[in-house]
Protein backbone atom coordinates (compact mmCIF):
# COMPACT_ATOMS: atom_id res chain seq x y z
CA MET A 1 0.00 0.00 0.00
CA GLN A 2 2.78 2.38 0.94
CA GLU A 3 4.64 1.85 -2.34
CA ILE A 4 1.47 2.21 -4.43
CA LEU A 5 0.60 5.57 -2.88
CA THR A 6 4.16 6.74 -3.41
CA ALA A 7 4.06 5.69 -7.06
CA VAL A 8 0.73 7.47 -7.57
CA THR A 9 1.88 10.62 -5.79
CA TYR A 10 4.76 11.23 -8.19
CA PRO A 11 2.75 11.69 -11.44
CA ILE A 12 -0.05 13.56 -9.67
CA VAL A 13 2.38 16.12 -8.26
CA TRP A 14 4.14 16.31 -11.64
CA LEU A 15 0.81 17.17 -13.31
CA ILE A 16 -0.03 19.72 -10.61
CA CYS A 17 3.33 21.39 -11.17
CA SER A 18 2.85 21.40 -14.94
CA TYR A 19 -0.74 22.52 -15.31
CA ILE A 20 -1.78 24.25 -12.10
CA LEU A 21 1.48 25.85 -10.94
CA LYS A 22 2.76 26.32 -14.54
CA ILE A 23 6.32 25.30 -13.66
CA GLU A 24 8.25 24.89 -16.90
CA SER A 25 11.56 23.63 -15.53
CA GLY A 26 11.79 19.85 -15.77
CA LEU A 27 14.35 19.73 -12.99
CA ALA A 28 12.12 21.71 -10.64
CA LYS A 29 9.14 19.45 -11.38
CA LEU A 30 11.33 16.38 -10.86
CA LEU A 31 12.64 17.58 -7.51
CA ILE A 32 9.22 18.65 -6.25
CA SER A 33 7.58 15.40 -7.37
CA LEU A 34 10.27 13.19 -5.88
CA THR A 35 10.23 15.12 -2.63
CA ALA A 36 6.47 14.75 -2.36
CA ALA A 37 6.64 11.02 -3.12
CA ILE A 38 9.37 10.46 -0.53
CA LEU A 39 7.47 12.54 2.02
CA ILE A 40 4.34 10.41 1.51
CA TYR A 41 6.42 7.24 1.89
CA VAL A 42 7.99 8.45 5.14
CA LEU A 43 4.72 9.73 6.63
CA ILE A 44 2.93 6.44 5.95
CA GLY A 45 5.88 4.55 7.47
CA ILE A 46 5.75 6.69 10.61
CA LYS A 47 1.99 6.19 10.91
CA GLN A 48 2.34 2.40 10.56
CA SER A 49 5.14 2.34 13.12
CA GLN A 50 3.02 4.26 15.62
CA LYS A 51 0.12 1.84 15.08
CA GLU A 52 2.40 -1.14 15.72
CA ASN A 53 3.83 0.44 18.88
CA LYS A 54 0.35 1.23 20.17
CA LYS A 55 -0.78 -2.32 19.45
CA GLU A 56 2.24 -3.74 21.31
CA ASP A 57 1.58 -1.48 24.29
CA GLU A 58 -2.01 -2.74 24.53
CA ASP A 59 -0.83 -6.39 24.63
C-alpha cells in the first residue's frame, strides 16, 4: 500500500506542477515530485510504526 501511494503521488504532483502551478523547468518538477513522493512514503511509514507500537503497548 505504501509503495502504491508513493508511485501514484509522483505523477499527480508532476501534473499539478505542470498545469496548475505552470512550472516549466523539468528539474524543478522532478525535484518537487520526488520530494512529495518520498514525504508520503515516510509519513505512511511513521503512521504504521506508531500503530504497531500502540498495538504492542495494549498487549
